[in-house]
Amino acid sequence: MKIAIFSDIHANFIAFLKAYSEAKKLGVDKIFILGDIIGYGPNPKECVGLARIIAEHIVMGNHEDGAVDMVFNKADVKEKFNDVAFEALEFTKDQLDWDELHYLSMLPESIVLEDLNTTLVHGSLEEPKVWTYINNEEEARRCLDLCTTRACFVGHTHQPFVFSDRHGLHEFLPDNLTLLAKDKYLINVGSVGQPRDGDCRLSFGLLDVVGSTMTFNLHKCFYQIPEVEAQIKKAGLPMWLSERLYLGQ
């Protein structure tokens, strides 16, 4: 079974469509999404709609949480997000209807897939709805210590990495990484819609499961950033949101 793992799409529908197209070319059987389908980008409605159709499992991200809270406690959201993110969430909330917001409010904070020996979470298993960032080995180890499966997949930082309980933290993911049965792995698949690792290409994870053998690859590809830039400008969103796409940060 081949699984594509997307994260941090951030309402970038052009990147999302490209990632989906690439995943189909690669022959994936299932798609999982690690949260932040929305936020920052110009096409939240389209991204939520596509995610609901193609994804077998989706966990909540902090931007889903923020968009729902905008309805009930806008002041609290303003305290949690920077000015650009808050402005984008105001735009996002106005683009989504009640059915879409309700759907996002019901997403789980984490999912354990016993049959695949895999856990899905947006930020960290350590208080998932606090939206902890994993930026170093100590934070990675705390998350992995709470994991009961061989692999735990995360997003949130928009920066790919792999951490294993035996070999520590690696920011560059090797090709055809075999997830050994005797180890546990924490893997960040990067971002489809807003990479922040200095590489403007979208990224997503590919997990190949054959019996008890698990192999992981990170897949990156280019997409039409100028088209997204035009959509951001048309939506009246801050232009930094397009500038950072070119920079990959």
Protein backbone atom coordinates (compact mmCIF):
# COMPACT_ATOMS: atom_id res chain seq x y z
CA MET A 1 0.00 0.00 0.00
CA LYS A 2 1.32 3.43 -0.95
CA ILE A 3 0.16 6.44 1.07
CA ALA A 4 0.66 10.15 0.36
CA ILE A 5 0.88 12.30 3.49
CA PHE A 6 0.12 16.00 2.97
CA SER A 7 0.44 18.77 5.54
CA ASP A 8 0.09 22.55 5.75
CA ILE A 9 -1.73 23.13 2.46
CA HIS A 10 -2.72 26.58 3.71
CA ALA A 11 -5.43 27.36 1.17
CA ASN A 12 -2.93 27.15 -1.69
CA PHE A 13 -5.21 25.34 -4.12
CA ILE A 14 -2.77 25.40 -7.03
CA ALA A 15 -0.11 23.68 -4.94
CA PHE A 16 -2.72 21.26 -3.55
CA LEU A 17 -3.86 20.26 -7.04
CA LYS A 18 -0.25 19.76 -8.13
CA ALA A 19 0.50 17.61 -5.08
CA TYR A 20 -2.62 15.53 -5.72
CA SER A 21 -1.70 15.10 -9.38
CA GLU A 22 1.82 14.01 -8.42
CA ALA A 23 0.47 11.57 -5.85
CA LYS A 24 -1.81 9.97 -8.45
CA LYS A 25 1.11 9.65 -10.88
CA LEU A 26 3.06 7.90 -8.14
CA GLY A 27 0.24 5.39 -7.74
CA VAL A 28 -0.84 6.16 -4.19
CA ASP A 29 -3.71 4.20 -2.70
CA LYS A 30 -4.61 6.58 0.13
CA ILE A 31 -4.08 10.19 1.16
CA PHE A 32 -3.73 11.45 4.73
CA ILE A 33 -3.67 15.15 5.70
CA LEU A 34 -1.93 16.44 8.83
CA GLY A 35 -3.91 19.65 9.27
CA ASP A 36 -3.74 23.33 8.25
CA ILE A 37 -5.71 22.84 5.06
CA ILE A 38 -6.62 26.52 5.45
CA GLY A 39 -5.02 29.77 6.60
CA TYR A 40 -2.71 32.24 4.79
CA GLY A 41 -3.75 31.34 1.24
CA PRO A 42 -6.52 32.61 -1.08
CA ASN A 43 -8.58 29.43 -1.64
CA PRO A 44 -9.80 27.95 1.66
CA LYS A 45 -13.17 26.78 0.31
CA GLU A 46 -11.63 24.94 -2.64
CA CYS A 47 -9.00 23.30 -0.44
CA VAL A 48 -11.50 22.12 2.17
CA GLY A 49 -13.72 20.78 -0.59
CA LEU A 50 -10.93 18.79 -2.25
CA ALA A 51 -9.59 17.50 1.07
CA ARG A 52 -13.01 16.15 2.03
CA ILE A 53 -13.18 14.22 -1.23
CA ILE A 54 -9.68 12.74 -1.51
CA ALA A 55 -8.40 12.22 2.05
CA GLU A 56 -9.09 9.10 4.07
CA HIS A 57 -7.85 10.68 7.30
CA ILE A 58 -7.45 14.35 8.30
CA VAL A 59 -6.32 15.74 11.65
CA MET A 60 -6.97 19.26 12.90
CA GLY A 61 -4.32 21.97 12.59
CA ASN A 62 -4.05 25.23 14.49
CA HIS A 63 -5.50 27.19 11.56
CA GLU A 64 -8.63 25.02 11.50
CA ASP A 65 -8.90 25.59 15.23
CA GLY A 66 -8.37 29.34 14.72
CA ALA A 67 -10.94 29.67 11.94
CA VAL A 68 -13.61 27.99 14.08
CA ASP A 69 -12.70 30.11 17.11
CA MET A 70 -13.01 33.28 14.98
CA VAL A 71 -16.78 32.70 15.08
CA PHE A 72 -16.97 32.51 18.87
CA ASN A 73 -13.93 34.27 20.35
CA LYS A 74 -12.18 36.58 17.92
CA ALA A 75 -10.20 38.35 20.64
CA ASP A 76 -8.69 35.06 21.81
CA VAL A 77 -7.64 34.19 18.24
CA LYS A 78 -5.96 37.58 17.84
CA GLU A 79 -3.78 36.82 20.87
CA LYS A 80 -2.68 33.45 19.48
CA PHE A 81 -1.77 34.44 15.89
CA ASN A 82 0.53 37.07 14.41
CA ASP A 83 -1.03 39.97 12.49
CA VAL A 84 -0.65 38.43 9.02
CA ALA A 85 -2.03 35.06 10.12
CA PHE A 86 -4.94 36.76 11.91
CA GLU A 87 -5.82 38.85 8.83
CA ALA A 88 -5.76 35.69 6.73
CA LEU A 89 -8.00 33.90 9.25
CA GLU A 90 -10.53 36.74 9.06
CA PHE A 91 -10.56 36.28 5.28
CA THR A 92 -10.78 32.50 5.67
CA LYS A 93 -13.73 32.57 8.08
CA ASP A 94 -15.67 34.80 5.68
CA GLN A 95 -15.04 32.38 2.78
CA LEU A 96 -16.33 29.27 4.57
CA ASP A 97 -19.96 28.38 5.27
CA TRP A 98 -21.35 26.84 8.45
CA ASP A 99 -21.14 23.29 7.12
CA GLU A 100 -17.46 23.70 6.31
CA LEU A 101 -16.66 25.30 9.67
CA HIS A 102 -18.57 22.57 11.49
CA TYR A 103 -16.67 19.93 9.55
CA LEU A 104 -13.35 21.51 10.52
CA SER A 105 -14.44 21.78 14.17
CA MET A 106 -15.02 18.01 14.29
CA LEU A 107 -11.58 16.97 13.02
CA PRO A 108 -9.63 14.87 15.55
CA GLU A 109 -6.47 16.19 17.19
CA SER A 110 -4.61 12.95 16.44
CA ILE A 111 -5.24 9.56 14.88
CA VAL A 112 -3.64 6.20 15.66
CA LEU A 113 -3.82 3.70 12.80
CA GLU A 114 -3.01 0.39 14.43
CA ASP A 115 -3.22 -1.57 11.16
CA LEU A 116 -0.51 0.65 9.64
CA ASN A 117 1.51 1.05 12.85
CA THR A 118 1.24 4.81 12.27
CA THR A 119 0.16 7.93 14.19
CA LEU A 120 -0.95 11.25 12.66
CA VAL A 121 -0.84 14.62 14.45
CA HIS A 122 -0.38 18.21 13.32
CA GLY A 123 2.09 19.55 15.88
CA SER A 124 3.09 17.21 18.70
CA LEU A 125 1.50 14.43 20.72
CA GLU A 126 2.49 16.46 23.76
CA GLU A 127 -0.76 18.39 24.33
CA PRO A 128 -1.80 18.38 20.63
CA LYS A 129 -4.17 21.36 20.88
CA VAL A 130 -1.49 23.57 22.40
CA TRP A 131 0.05 23.38 18.88
CA THR A 132 3.60 22.77 20.05
CA TYR A 133 6.33 23.23 17.45
CA ILE A 134 9.00 20.54 17.22
CA ASN A 135 12.23 22.41 16.54
CA ASN A 136 14.90 20.35 18.28
CA GLU A 137 15.81 16.87 19.50
CA GLU A 138 14.41 17.37 23.00
CA GLU A 139 10.98 18.35 21.67
CA ALA A 140 11.09 15.52 19.13
CA ARG A 141 11.94 12.97 21.80
CA ARG A 142 9.12 14.12 24.08
CA CYS A 143 6.67 13.61 21.23
CA LEU A 144 8.07 10.24 20.21
CA ASP A 145 8.03 8.99 23.81
CA LEU A 146 4.23 9.40 23.70
CA CYS A 147 3.92 7.52 20.42
CA THR A 148 2.73 3.90 20.56
CA THR A 149 3.36 3.10 16.88
CA ARG A 150 6.47 2.64 14.74
CA ALA A 151 5.92 5.91 12.87
CA CYS A 152 4.46 9.27 13.85
CA PHE A 153 3.91 11.85 11.12
CA VAL A 154 3.74 15.58 11.89
CA GLY A 155 3.69 18.96 10.14
CA HIS A 156 3.25 22.45 11.64
CA THR A 157 6.85 23.74 11.24
CA HIS A 158 6.73 23.42 7.42
CA GLN A 159 10.26 21.98 7.61
CA PRO A 160 10.95 18.29 6.85
CA PHE A 161 12.95 16.16 9.27
CA VAL A 162 13.24 12.63 10.56
CA PHE A 163 13.94 11.73 14.18
CA SER A 164 14.49 8.18 15.40
CA ASP A 165 14.79 7.08 18.99
CA ARG A 166 18.16 5.44 18.24
CA HIS A 167 19.75 7.76 15.66
CA GLY A 168 18.53 11.22 16.66
CA LEU A 169 17.51 14.14 14.44
CA HIS A 170 18.24 14.49 10.73
CA GLU A 171 17.07 17.51 8.74
CA PHE A 172 17.76 15.83 5.40
CA LEU A 173 15.65 12.78 4.71
CA PRO A 174 17.40 9.97 2.82
CA ASP A 175 15.74 8.28 -0.14
CA ASN A 176 13.98 4.99 0.56
CA LEU A 177 14.26 5.29 4.33
CA THR A 178 13.38 1.90 5.82
CA LEU A 179 11.54 2.26 9.12
CA LEU A 180 13.04 -0.56 11.13
CA ALA A 181 10.68 -2.58 13.30
CA LYS A 182 12.95 -2.24 16.35
CA ASP A 183 12.92 1.59 16.19
CA LYS A 184 10.38 4.41 16.38
CA TYR A 185 10.35 7.35 13.97
CA LEU A 186 9.01 10.89 14.06
CA ILE A 187 8.78 12.33 10.53
CA ASN A 188 7.84 15.83 9.41
CA VAL A 189 6.65 15.81 5.79
CA GLY A 190 7.11 19.55 5.19
CA SER A 191 4.43 21.68 3.57
CA VAL A 192 2.37 21.48 0.40
CA GLY A 193 1.28 25.11 0.38
CA GLN A 194 3.93 27.16 2.20
CA PRO A 195 7.38 25.51 2.53
CA ARG A 196 9.77 27.12 5.01
CA ASP A 197 12.95 25.11 4.48
CA GLY A 198 14.48 27.49 1.94
CA ASP A 199 13.11 25.43 -0.96
CA CYS A 200 10.13 26.87 -2.84
CA ARG A 201 9.00 23.44 -4.06
CA LEU A 202 5.98 21.84 -2.39
CA SER A 203 6.69 18.70 -0.41
CA PHE A 204 4.78 15.72 0.88
CA GLY A 205 5.51 12.28 2.29
CA LEU A 206 5.23 8.89 0.62
CA LEU A 207 4.83 5.88 2.88
CA ASP A 208 5.06 2.44 1.28
CA VAL A 209 3.76 -0.39 3.45
CA VAL A 210 4.28 -3.99 2.32
CA GLY A 211 3.47 -6.45 5.08
CA SER A 212 5.59 -5.39 8.05
CA THR A 213 8.06 -3.44 5.86
CA MET A 214 7.67 0.36 5.88
CA THR A 215 9.61 2.65 3.55
CA PHE A 216 9.43 6.45 3.49
CA ASN A 217 10.36 9.03 0.86
CA LEU A 218 9.94 12.80 0.71
CA HIS A 219 8.58 14.02 -2.62
CA LYS A 220 9.17 17.60 -3.83
CA CYS A 221 8.06 19.35 -6.99
CA PHE A 222 7.58 22.81 -8.49
CA TYR A 223 4.19 24.44 -9.06
CA GLN A 224 2.97 27.74 -10.53
CA ILE A 225 3.70 30.26 -7.78
CA PRO A 226 2.91 33.30 -10.01
CA GLU A 227 -0.68 32.07 -10.33
CA VAL A 228 -0.98 31.88 -6.54
CA GLU A 229 0.54 35.35 -6.25
CA ALA A 230 -2.17 36.73 -8.54
CA GLN A 231 -4.88 35.05 -6.45
CA ILE A 232 -3.42 36.44 -3.21
CA LYS A 233 -3.37 39.94 -4.69
CA LYS A 234 -6.96 39.60 -5.96
CA ALA A 235 -8.11 38.42 -2.51
CA GLY A 236 -6.55 41.48 -0.87
CA LEU A 237 -4.32 39.40 1.39
CA PRO A 238 -0.88 40.68 2.53
CA MET A 239 1.62 40.36 -0.33
CA TRP A 240 4.20 38.88 2.04
CA LEU A 241 2.16 35.70 1.73
CA SER A 242 3.16 35.44 -1.92
CA GLU A 243 6.71 36.72 -1.47
CA ARG A 244 7.48 33.97 1.03
CA LEU A 245 6.36 31.30 -1.45
CA TYR A 246 9.19 32.26 -3.80
CA LEU A 247 11.67 32.26 -0.91
CA GLY A 248 10.48 29.02 0.65
CA GLN A 249 10.32 30.59 4.08
